[in-house]
N, C-alpha and C. Protein backbone atom coordinates (compact mmCIF):
# COMPACT_ATOMS: atom_id res chain seq x y z
N MET A 1 0.86 -1.18 0.00
CA MET A 1 0.00 0.00 0.00
C MET A 1 0.89 1.23 0.00
N GLY A 2 0.95 1.93 -1.11
CA GLY A 2 1.84 3.06 -1.26
C GLY A 2 1.25 4.36 -0.75
N ASP A 3 -0.02 4.35 -0.35
CA ASP A 3 -0.66 5.58 0.12
C ASP A 3 -0.18 5.95 1.51
N SER A 4 -0.33 7.22 1.84
CA SER A 4 0.02 7.71 3.16
C SER A 4 -0.84 7.01 4.21
N PRO A 5 -0.28 6.69 5.37
CA PRO A 5 -1.07 6.00 6.41
C PRO A 5 -2.12 6.92 7.05
N HIS A 6 -2.11 8.20 6.68
CA HIS A 6 -3.04 9.15 7.29
C HIS A 6 -4.33 9.32 6.49
N HIS A 7 -4.49 8.59 5.41
CA HIS A 7 -5.70 8.70 4.61
C HIS A 7 -6.55 7.45 4.78
N VAL A 8 -7.85 7.67 4.93
CA VAL A 8 -8.78 6.56 5.06
C VAL A 8 -9.38 6.28 3.69
N HIS A 9 -9.43 5.01 3.32
CA HIS A 9 -10.01 4.61 2.04
C HIS A 9 -11.16 3.66 2.29
N PHE A 10 -12.28 3.88 1.56
CA PHE A 10 -13.45 3.04 1.69
C PHE A 10 -13.65 2.23 0.43
N ASP A 11 -14.04 1.01 0.58
CA ASP A 11 -14.36 0.14 -0.53
C ASP A 11 -15.68 0.61 -1.14
N GLN A 12 -15.70 0.95 -2.43
CA GLN A 12 -16.89 1.47 -3.08
C GLN A 12 -18.06 0.49 -3.01
N THR A 13 -17.81 -0.82 -3.01
CA THR A 13 -18.91 -1.78 -2.94
C THR A 13 -19.64 -1.67 -1.60
N VAL A 14 -18.93 -1.30 -0.53
CA VAL A 14 -19.57 -1.13 0.77
C VAL A 14 -20.39 0.16 0.78
N ILE A 15 -19.84 1.23 0.21
CA ILE A 15 -20.53 2.51 0.20
C ILE A 15 -21.84 2.42 -0.59
N ASN A 16 -21.84 1.71 -1.70
CA ASN A 16 -23.00 1.64 -2.58
C ASN A 16 -23.83 0.37 -2.38
N ASP A 17 -23.83 -0.18 -1.18
CA ASP A 17 -24.55 -1.44 -0.96
C ASP A 17 -26.03 -1.25 -0.67
N GLY A 18 -26.53 -0.01 -0.65
CA GLY A 18 -27.94 0.23 -0.40
C GLY A 18 -28.28 0.32 1.08
N LEU A 19 -27.40 -0.12 1.94
CA LEU A 19 -27.63 -0.05 3.38
C LEU A 19 -27.01 1.19 3.99
N HIS A 20 -26.03 1.75 3.33
CA HIS A 20 -25.29 2.88 3.87
C HIS A 20 -25.56 4.15 3.05
N ASP A 21 -26.82 4.35 2.67
CA ASP A 21 -27.11 5.58 1.93
C ASP A 21 -27.28 6.72 2.92
N ASN A 22 -27.52 7.88 2.40
CA ASN A 22 -27.53 9.09 3.23
C ASN A 22 -28.95 9.63 3.38
N SER A 23 -29.92 8.75 3.51
CA SER A 23 -31.32 9.16 3.60
C SER A 23 -31.77 9.38 5.03
N ILE A 24 -32.76 10.24 5.18
CA ILE A 24 -33.43 10.43 6.47
C ILE A 24 -34.23 9.16 6.73
N ILE A 25 -34.26 8.71 7.98
CA ILE A 25 -34.93 7.46 8.33
C ILE A 25 -36.24 7.77 9.05
N TYR A 26 -37.32 7.07 8.66
CA TYR A 26 -38.65 7.25 9.25
C TYR A 26 -39.03 5.98 9.99
N GLN A 27 -39.62 6.16 11.17
CA GLN A 27 -39.99 5.01 11.99
C GLN A 27 -41.32 5.30 12.69
N VAL A 28 -42.29 4.41 12.48
CA VAL A 28 -43.60 4.56 13.11
C VAL A 28 -43.50 4.03 14.54
N ALA A 29 -44.04 4.78 15.51
CA ALA A 29 -44.04 4.35 16.91
C ALA A 29 -44.81 3.04 17.02
N PRO A 30 -44.39 2.15 17.93
CA PRO A 30 -45.07 0.86 18.09
C PRO A 30 -46.57 0.98 18.34
N ASP A 31 -46.99 2.04 19.03
CA ASP A 31 -48.42 2.21 19.29
C ASP A 31 -49.13 2.95 18.14
N GLY A 32 -48.38 3.31 17.10
CA GLY A 32 -48.97 3.94 15.92
C GLY A 32 -49.46 5.35 16.13
N THR A 33 -48.98 6.05 17.15
CA THR A 33 -49.47 7.40 17.42
C THR A 33 -48.57 8.51 16.88
N SER A 34 -47.36 8.16 16.47
CA SER A 34 -46.45 9.20 15.99
C SER A 34 -45.48 8.63 14.97
N LEU A 35 -44.79 9.53 14.31
CA LEU A 35 -43.78 9.16 13.33
C LEU A 35 -42.46 9.78 13.76
N THR A 36 -41.46 8.95 14.01
CA THR A 36 -40.13 9.45 14.39
C THR A 36 -39.29 9.64 13.14
N VAL A 37 -38.63 10.79 13.05
CA VAL A 37 -37.80 11.14 11.91
C VAL A 37 -36.37 11.27 12.42
N HIS A 38 -35.49 10.37 11.96
CA HIS A 38 -34.09 10.37 12.39
C HIS A 38 -33.29 11.22 11.41
N LEU A 39 -32.76 12.35 11.91
CA LEU A 39 -32.08 13.33 11.07
C LEU A 39 -30.58 13.10 10.96
N GLY A 40 -30.03 12.25 11.80
CA GLY A 40 -28.59 12.02 11.78
C GLY A 40 -27.86 13.07 12.60
N PHE A 41 -26.63 13.39 12.19
CA PHE A 41 -25.79 14.34 12.92
C PHE A 41 -26.00 15.76 12.40
N LEU A 42 -26.15 16.69 13.34
CA LEU A 42 -26.24 18.12 13.03
C LEU A 42 -25.22 18.84 13.90
N GLN A 43 -25.09 20.14 13.71
CA GLN A 43 -24.10 20.91 14.45
C GLN A 43 -24.78 21.96 15.32
N ILE A 44 -24.27 22.13 16.53
CA ILE A 44 -24.88 23.06 17.49
C ILE A 44 -24.92 24.48 16.94
N ASN A 45 -25.98 25.20 17.30
CA ASN A 45 -26.22 26.59 16.91
C ASN A 45 -26.40 26.78 15.41
N HIS A 46 -26.74 25.71 14.70
CA HIS A 46 -27.01 25.81 13.27
C HIS A 46 -28.51 25.66 13.04
N ARG A 47 -29.00 26.41 12.06
CA ARG A 47 -30.41 26.36 11.67
C ARG A 47 -30.47 25.63 10.32
N TYR A 48 -31.44 24.72 10.20
CA TYR A 48 -31.54 23.88 9.02
C TYR A 48 -32.92 23.96 8.39
N ARG A 49 -32.95 23.85 7.06
CA ARG A 49 -34.20 23.62 6.33
C ARG A 49 -34.20 22.13 6.00
N ILE A 50 -35.27 21.45 6.40
CA ILE A 50 -35.33 20.01 6.22
C ILE A 50 -36.48 19.70 5.28
N GLU A 51 -36.15 19.03 4.19
CA GLU A 51 -37.15 18.63 3.19
C GLU A 51 -37.36 17.13 3.33
N LEU A 52 -38.50 16.77 3.92
CA LEU A 52 -38.82 15.37 4.14
C LEU A 52 -39.63 14.83 2.97
N ASN A 53 -39.37 13.60 2.59
CA ASN A 53 -40.19 12.85 1.65
C ASN A 53 -40.66 11.63 2.42
N VAL A 54 -41.77 11.81 3.15
CA VAL A 54 -42.25 10.77 4.05
C VAL A 54 -43.10 9.78 3.27
N PRO A 55 -42.73 8.50 3.30
CA PRO A 55 -43.53 7.50 2.57
C PRO A 55 -44.99 7.52 3.06
N ALA A 56 -45.93 7.50 2.12
CA ALA A 56 -47.35 7.54 2.46
C ALA A 56 -47.75 6.37 3.34
N TYR A 57 -47.16 5.19 3.10
CA TYR A 57 -47.51 4.02 3.93
C TYR A 57 -47.09 4.22 5.38
N ALA A 58 -45.98 4.93 5.63
CA ALA A 58 -45.54 5.20 7.00
C ALA A 58 -46.52 6.16 7.68
N MET A 59 -47.00 7.14 6.93
CA MET A 59 -47.98 8.08 7.49
C MET A 59 -49.27 7.34 7.83
N LYS A 60 -49.69 6.45 6.96
CA LYS A 60 -50.91 5.67 7.21
C LYS A 60 -50.73 4.81 8.46
N ASP A 61 -49.56 4.18 8.60
CA ASP A 61 -49.28 3.34 9.77
C ASP A 61 -49.27 4.16 11.06
N ALA A 62 -48.97 5.47 10.95
CA ALA A 62 -48.95 6.34 12.13
C ALA A 62 -50.33 6.95 12.40
N GLY A 63 -51.36 6.45 11.71
CA GLY A 63 -52.71 6.93 11.95
C GLY A 63 -53.06 8.21 11.20
N PHE A 64 -52.24 8.59 10.23
CA PHE A 64 -52.44 9.82 9.49
C PHE A 64 -53.48 9.61 8.40
N VAL A 65 -54.49 10.48 8.38
CA VAL A 65 -55.55 10.42 7.37
C VAL A 65 -55.70 11.81 6.77
N VAL A 66 -55.59 11.89 5.45
CA VAL A 66 -55.70 13.19 4.77
C VAL A 66 -57.12 13.71 4.83
N ALA A 67 -58.10 12.85 4.53
CA ALA A 67 -59.52 13.20 4.50
C ALA A 67 -59.74 14.42 3.62
N GLY A 68 -60.46 15.43 4.10
CA GLY A 68 -60.80 16.61 3.30
C GLY A 68 -59.83 17.76 3.44
N ASN A 69 -58.63 17.50 3.87
CA ASN A 69 -57.67 18.58 4.10
C ASN A 69 -56.82 18.86 2.86
N SER A 70 -56.62 20.14 2.57
CA SER A 70 -55.76 20.52 1.46
C SER A 70 -54.31 20.61 1.90
N ALA A 71 -54.11 20.79 3.19
CA ALA A 71 -52.74 20.92 3.73
C ALA A 71 -52.79 20.63 5.23
N PHE A 72 -51.62 20.60 5.83
CA PHE A 72 -51.52 20.41 7.27
C PHE A 72 -50.72 21.56 7.87
N ILE A 73 -51.09 21.92 9.10
CA ILE A 73 -50.49 23.07 9.77
C ILE A 73 -50.05 22.65 11.17
N ALA A 74 -49.23 23.47 11.80
CA ALA A 74 -48.84 23.20 13.19
C ALA A 74 -50.07 23.39 14.06
N GLN A 75 -50.30 22.43 14.95
CA GLN A 75 -51.45 22.50 15.84
C GLN A 75 -51.27 23.67 16.79
N ASP A 76 -52.34 24.39 17.04
CA ASP A 76 -52.30 25.54 17.94
C ASP A 76 -52.24 25.03 19.38
N ILE A 77 -51.07 25.18 20.00
CA ILE A 77 -50.89 24.73 21.38
C ILE A 77 -50.43 25.90 22.23
N ALA A 78 -50.57 25.77 23.55
CA ALA A 78 -50.24 26.86 24.48
C ALA A 78 -48.80 27.33 24.34
N VAL A 79 -47.86 26.39 24.24
CA VAL A 79 -46.44 26.75 24.11
C VAL A 79 -45.93 26.20 22.77
N PRO A 80 -45.88 27.04 21.73
CA PRO A 80 -45.42 26.55 20.44
C PRO A 80 -43.93 26.21 20.47
N ASN A 81 -43.53 25.29 19.61
CA ASN A 81 -42.14 24.87 19.52
C ASN A 81 -41.36 25.90 18.70
N VAL A 82 -40.45 26.62 19.34
CA VAL A 82 -39.68 27.65 18.64
C VAL A 82 -38.45 27.09 17.93
N ASN A 83 -38.09 25.85 18.23
CA ASN A 83 -36.90 25.24 17.62
C ASN A 83 -37.22 24.39 16.41
N CYS A 84 -38.49 24.13 16.17
CA CYS A 84 -38.90 23.31 15.05
C CYS A 84 -40.21 23.87 14.50
N LYS A 85 -40.18 24.36 13.25
CA LYS A 85 -41.35 24.99 12.66
C LYS A 85 -41.72 24.31 11.35
N LEU A 86 -43.01 24.13 11.15
CA LEU A 86 -43.51 23.61 9.89
C LEU A 86 -43.55 24.75 8.88
N LEU A 87 -42.94 24.55 7.71
CA LEU A 87 -42.97 25.56 6.66
C LEU A 87 -44.01 25.21 5.59
N ASP A 88 -44.11 23.90 5.25
CA ASP A 88 -45.05 23.50 4.21
C ASP A 88 -45.36 22.01 4.33
N PHE A 89 -46.65 21.67 4.17
CA PHE A 89 -47.08 20.28 4.19
C PHE A 89 -48.39 20.19 3.44
N SER A 90 -48.31 19.95 2.14
CA SER A 90 -49.48 19.82 1.30
C SER A 90 -50.02 18.40 1.41
N SER A 91 -51.31 18.23 1.22
CA SER A 91 -51.90 16.89 1.31
C SER A 91 -51.67 16.07 0.04
N SER A 92 -51.17 16.71 -1.03
CA SER A 92 -50.90 15.96 -2.25
C SER A 92 -49.59 15.19 -2.11
N THR A 93 -49.50 14.08 -2.83
CA THR A 93 -48.31 13.24 -2.75
C THR A 93 -47.49 13.35 -4.03
N VAL A 94 -46.22 12.98 -3.91
CA VAL A 94 -45.32 12.90 -5.06
C VAL A 94 -44.80 11.47 -5.12
N GLU A 95 -44.48 11.03 -6.32
CA GLU A 95 -43.96 9.67 -6.48
C GLU A 95 -42.44 9.71 -6.53
N VAL A 96 -41.80 8.94 -5.64
CA VAL A 96 -40.35 8.83 -5.61
C VAL A 96 -40.00 7.35 -5.68
N LYS A 97 -39.32 6.94 -6.74
CA LYS A 97 -38.93 5.54 -6.95
C LYS A 97 -40.13 4.59 -6.83
N GLY A 98 -41.25 4.99 -7.43
CA GLY A 98 -42.43 4.15 -7.47
C GLY A 98 -43.26 4.11 -6.19
N VAL A 99 -42.90 4.92 -5.19
CA VAL A 99 -43.63 4.94 -3.92
C VAL A 99 -44.17 6.35 -3.68
N GLU A 100 -45.42 6.41 -3.25
CA GLU A 100 -46.04 7.71 -2.95
C GLU A 100 -45.45 8.29 -1.66
N HIS A 101 -45.12 9.59 -1.68
CA HIS A 101 -44.54 10.30 -0.54
C HIS A 101 -45.26 11.62 -0.31
N PHE A 102 -45.27 12.05 0.94
CA PHE A 102 -45.72 13.40 1.28
C PHE A 102 -44.48 14.26 1.40
N ALA A 103 -44.51 15.45 0.78
CA ALA A 103 -43.40 16.39 0.87
C ALA A 103 -43.68 17.33 2.04
N VAL A 104 -42.79 17.35 3.02
CA VAL A 104 -42.94 18.17 4.21
C VAL A 104 -41.67 19.00 4.35
N THR A 105 -41.81 20.30 4.57
CA THR A 105 -40.64 21.18 4.75
C THR A 105 -40.70 21.80 6.15
N LEU A 106 -39.58 21.69 6.86
CA LEU A 106 -39.47 22.19 8.23
C LEU A 106 -38.27 23.10 8.37
N GLU A 107 -38.28 23.90 9.43
CA GLU A 107 -37.09 24.62 9.87
C GLU A 107 -36.74 24.07 11.25
N PHE A 108 -35.47 23.75 11.45
CA PHE A 108 -35.04 23.07 12.68
C PHE A 108 -33.80 23.77 13.21
N TYR A 109 -33.79 24.08 14.51
CA TYR A 109 -32.65 24.73 15.14
C TYR A 109 -32.02 23.78 16.15
N ALA A 110 -30.73 23.48 15.97
CA ALA A 110 -29.99 22.60 16.87
C ALA A 110 -29.40 23.44 18.00
N TYR A 111 -30.14 23.56 19.09
CA TYR A 111 -29.79 24.49 20.16
C TYR A 111 -29.00 23.88 21.30
N LYS A 112 -28.87 22.53 21.34
CA LYS A 112 -28.10 21.92 22.42
C LYS A 112 -27.36 20.71 21.89
N GLU A 113 -26.30 20.34 22.60
CA GLU A 113 -25.47 19.20 22.21
C GLU A 113 -26.11 17.87 22.56
N LYS A 114 -25.55 16.83 21.99
CA LYS A 114 -25.92 15.42 22.23
C LYS A 114 -27.26 15.10 21.60
N LEU A 115 -28.07 14.30 22.26
CA LEU A 115 -29.34 13.88 21.67
C LEU A 115 -30.38 15.00 21.78
N LEU A 116 -30.95 15.36 20.66
CA LEU A 116 -31.97 16.40 20.62
C LEU A 116 -33.23 15.79 20.03
N LYS A 117 -34.32 15.90 20.78
CA LYS A 117 -35.61 15.34 20.35
C LYS A 117 -36.65 16.44 20.43
N GLU A 118 -37.26 16.76 19.30
CA GLU A 118 -38.28 17.80 19.23
C GLU A 118 -39.59 17.20 18.73
N HIS A 119 -40.69 17.62 19.33
CA HIS A 119 -42.02 17.16 18.94
C HIS A 119 -42.72 18.26 18.17
N LEU A 120 -43.33 17.88 17.06
CA LEU A 120 -44.10 18.83 16.25
C LEU A 120 -45.48 18.22 16.03
N ARG A 121 -46.48 18.85 16.59
CA ARG A 121 -47.85 18.35 16.48
C ARG A 121 -48.55 19.06 15.33
N LEU A 122 -49.06 18.27 14.39
CA LEU A 122 -49.70 18.81 13.20
C LEU A 122 -51.17 18.44 13.18
N CYS A 123 -51.95 19.24 12.47
CA CYS A 123 -53.37 18.93 12.30
C CYS A 123 -53.80 19.41 10.92
N GLY A 124 -54.96 18.91 10.48
CA GLY A 124 -55.49 19.29 9.18
C GLY A 124 -55.88 20.76 9.15
N LYS A 125 -55.69 21.39 7.99
CA LYS A 125 -56.03 22.80 7.84
C LYS A 125 -57.53 23.01 7.94
N GLU A 126 -58.32 22.15 7.26
CA GLU A 126 -59.77 22.28 7.29
C GLU A 126 -60.40 21.42 8.41
N GLU A 127 -59.85 20.24 8.63
CA GLU A 127 -60.37 19.32 9.65
C GLU A 127 -59.31 19.14 10.73
N SER A 128 -59.36 19.98 11.77
CA SER A 128 -58.30 19.98 12.78
C SER A 128 -58.28 18.73 13.65
N ASP A 129 -59.31 17.86 13.53
CA ASP A 129 -59.29 16.61 14.29
C ASP A 129 -58.38 15.58 13.64
N ARG A 130 -57.92 15.82 12.42
CA ARG A 130 -56.94 14.94 11.75
C ARG A 130 -55.56 15.36 12.23
N LYS A 131 -54.94 14.53 13.04
CA LYS A 131 -53.67 14.92 13.69
C LYS A 131 -52.54 13.96 13.37
N LEU A 132 -51.32 14.49 13.50
CA LEU A 132 -50.11 13.70 13.34
C LEU A 132 -49.03 14.32 14.22
N GLU A 133 -48.31 13.47 14.96
CA GLU A 133 -47.18 13.97 15.74
C GLU A 133 -45.89 13.49 15.09
N LEU A 134 -45.05 14.45 14.74
CA LEU A 134 -43.70 14.14 14.23
C LEU A 134 -42.74 14.29 15.39
N VAL A 135 -41.87 13.31 15.57
CA VAL A 135 -40.82 13.38 16.59
C VAL A 135 -39.50 13.42 15.82
N LEU A 136 -38.81 14.55 15.89
CA LEU A 136 -37.55 14.72 15.16
C LEU A 136 -36.40 14.45 16.10
N VAL A 137 -35.51 13.54 15.70
CA VAL A 137 -34.39 13.13 16.55
C VAL A 137 -33.09 13.40 15.80
N ALA A 138 -32.14 14.06 16.49
CA ALA A 138 -30.84 14.35 15.90
C ALA A 138 -29.75 14.20 16.96
N ARG A 139 -28.58 13.86 16.52
CA ARG A 139 -27.39 13.87 17.36
C ARG A 139 -26.67 15.17 17.02
N VAL A 140 -26.48 16.04 18.01
CA VAL A 140 -25.91 17.35 17.76
C VAL A 140 -24.47 17.42 18.27
N LEU A 141 -23.57 17.75 17.35
CA LEU A 141 -22.16 17.88 17.69
C LEU A 141 -21.90 19.26 18.28
N GLY A 142 -21.09 19.31 19.34
CA GLY A 142 -20.75 20.57 19.98
C GLY A 142 -19.73 21.35 19.18
N LYS A 143 -19.47 22.56 19.63
CA LYS A 143 -18.49 23.43 18.98
C LYS A 143 -17.12 22.76 18.98
N GLY A 144 -16.48 22.74 17.82
CA GLY A 144 -15.16 22.14 17.70
C GLY A 144 -15.15 20.63 17.61
N LYS A 145 -16.32 20.00 17.50
CA LYS A 145 -16.40 18.54 17.44
C LYS A 145 -16.47 18.02 16.01
N GLY A 146 -16.35 18.90 15.04
CA GLY A 146 -16.38 18.46 13.64
C GLY A 146 -17.59 18.97 12.91
N THR A 147 -17.58 18.75 11.60
CA THR A 147 -18.68 19.15 10.73
C THR A 147 -19.32 17.89 10.16
N PRO A 148 -20.58 17.64 10.48
CA PRO A 148 -21.21 16.42 10.00
C PRO A 148 -21.58 16.49 8.53
N MET A 149 -21.64 15.33 7.88
CA MET A 149 -22.17 15.24 6.53
C MET A 149 -23.68 15.17 6.68
N LEU A 150 -24.38 16.14 6.14
CA LEU A 150 -25.82 16.21 6.30
C LEU A 150 -26.51 15.17 5.42
N ARG A 151 -27.59 14.63 5.92
CA ARG A 151 -28.37 13.65 5.16
C ARG A 151 -29.10 14.36 4.02
N ASN A 152 -29.52 13.58 3.04
CA ASN A 152 -30.24 14.11 1.88
C ASN A 152 -31.48 14.87 2.35
N GLY A 153 -31.68 16.07 1.84
CA GLY A 153 -32.85 16.87 2.18
C GLY A 153 -32.63 17.82 3.34
N ILE A 154 -31.44 17.78 3.97
CA ILE A 154 -31.15 18.69 5.08
C ILE A 154 -30.14 19.74 4.59
N HIS A 155 -30.50 21.01 4.77
CA HIS A 155 -29.66 22.11 4.28
C HIS A 155 -29.44 23.12 5.39
N CYS A 156 -28.19 23.52 5.62
CA CYS A 156 -27.88 24.54 6.62
C CYS A 156 -28.29 25.89 6.03
N ILE A 157 -29.10 26.65 6.79
CA ILE A 157 -29.55 27.96 6.31
C ILE A 157 -29.03 29.11 7.18
N GLY A 158 -28.30 28.77 8.25
CA GLY A 158 -27.75 29.83 9.08
C GLY A 158 -27.07 29.31 10.32
N VAL A 159 -26.23 30.16 10.88
CA VAL A 159 -25.52 29.84 12.11
C VAL A 159 -25.80 30.96 13.10
N GLU A 160 -26.24 30.60 14.30
CA GLU A 160 -26.53 31.57 15.34
C GLU A 160 -25.29 31.72 16.22
N LYS A 161 -25.01 32.94 16.65
CA LYS A 161 -23.91 33.14 17.60
C LYS A 161 -24.36 32.67 18.96
N ASP A 162 -23.49 31.95 19.66
CA ASP A 162 -23.86 31.58 21.02
C ASP A 162 -23.34 32.65 21.97
N ASP A 163 -23.76 32.58 23.22
CA ASP A 163 -23.43 33.62 24.20
C ASP A 163 -21.93 33.77 24.42
N GLU A 164 -21.19 32.66 24.31
CA GLU A 164 -19.74 32.72 24.54
C GLU A 164 -19.02 33.47 23.43
N GLU A 165 -19.59 33.46 22.22
CA GLU A 165 -18.95 34.11 21.09
C GLU A 165 -19.27 35.60 21.01
N SER A 166 -20.21 36.05 21.80
CA SER A 166 -20.65 37.43 21.75
C SER A 166 -19.51 38.38 22.13
N GLU A 167 -19.43 39.49 21.41
CA GLU A 167 -18.41 40.49 21.72
C GLU A 167 -18.84 41.37 22.89
N MET A 168 -20.09 41.29 23.25
CA MET A 168 -20.60 42.07 24.38
C MET A 168 -20.14 41.38 25.66
N SER A 169 -19.81 42.18 26.67
CA SER A 169 -19.36 41.62 27.93
C SER A 169 -19.91 42.46 29.07
N ASP A 170 -20.18 41.81 30.17
CA ASP A 170 -20.64 42.53 31.36
C ASP A 170 -19.47 43.15 32.11
N TRP A 171 -18.26 42.75 31.78
CA TRP A 171 -17.09 43.21 32.52
C TRP A 171 -16.87 44.69 32.27
N GLN A 172 -16.75 45.46 33.34
CA GLN A 172 -16.62 46.92 33.24
C GLN A 172 -15.17 47.38 33.18
N GLY A 173 -14.24 46.49 33.35
CA GLY A 173 -12.84 46.87 33.35
C GLY A 173 -12.38 47.19 34.75
N PHE A 174 -11.11 47.56 34.90
CA PHE A 174 -10.56 47.89 36.21
C PHE A 174 -11.01 49.29 36.61
N SER A 175 -11.36 49.44 37.88
CA SER A 175 -11.77 50.77 38.33
C SER A 175 -10.53 51.56 38.76
N LYS A 176 -10.61 52.89 38.73
CA LYS A 176 -9.48 53.74 39.06
C LYS A 176 -9.59 54.24 40.48
N ASP A 177 -10.48 53.66 41.27
CA ASP A 177 -10.63 54.08 42.68
C ASP A 177 -9.41 53.67 43.48
N LYS A 178 -9.02 54.55 44.45
CA LYS A 178 -7.86 54.24 45.30
C LYS A 178 -8.30 53.83 46.65
């Protein structure tokens, strides 16, 4: 092996085996009341636009029924989720690789390190009794812990300054009192 020992090489057959793709993973809760969306690794203090292509069969398994709704909206609750916002969720489906999918667009803010789990409760625009709970799960890397490869459909749209990076300080300097 004439290559430098500091470079990692991957066998292309392993990368393209269909098991190691870069897709967002969807999982219906065992009780069928919610849909968990595994986002993979994200970076702290980053804001993301997430374009989901949720398989229609997974939505059906989670108790989701379109009925007479043209779209879905965030359910009106006492304390809205400020870290995860629904941008668009039409009731029409698109076909991806022969399977019907719902296109859902979200904005997601990775505000803390390690495991981050956010709940987004949705309801029908016209029939609010049609509900769906999305549970978004991500592993968030702290500052200086690296830059993750984002899964398909996840796009960084901004970076927020954290309090430690702020140029503002409460420190008044040394006083000249004797």
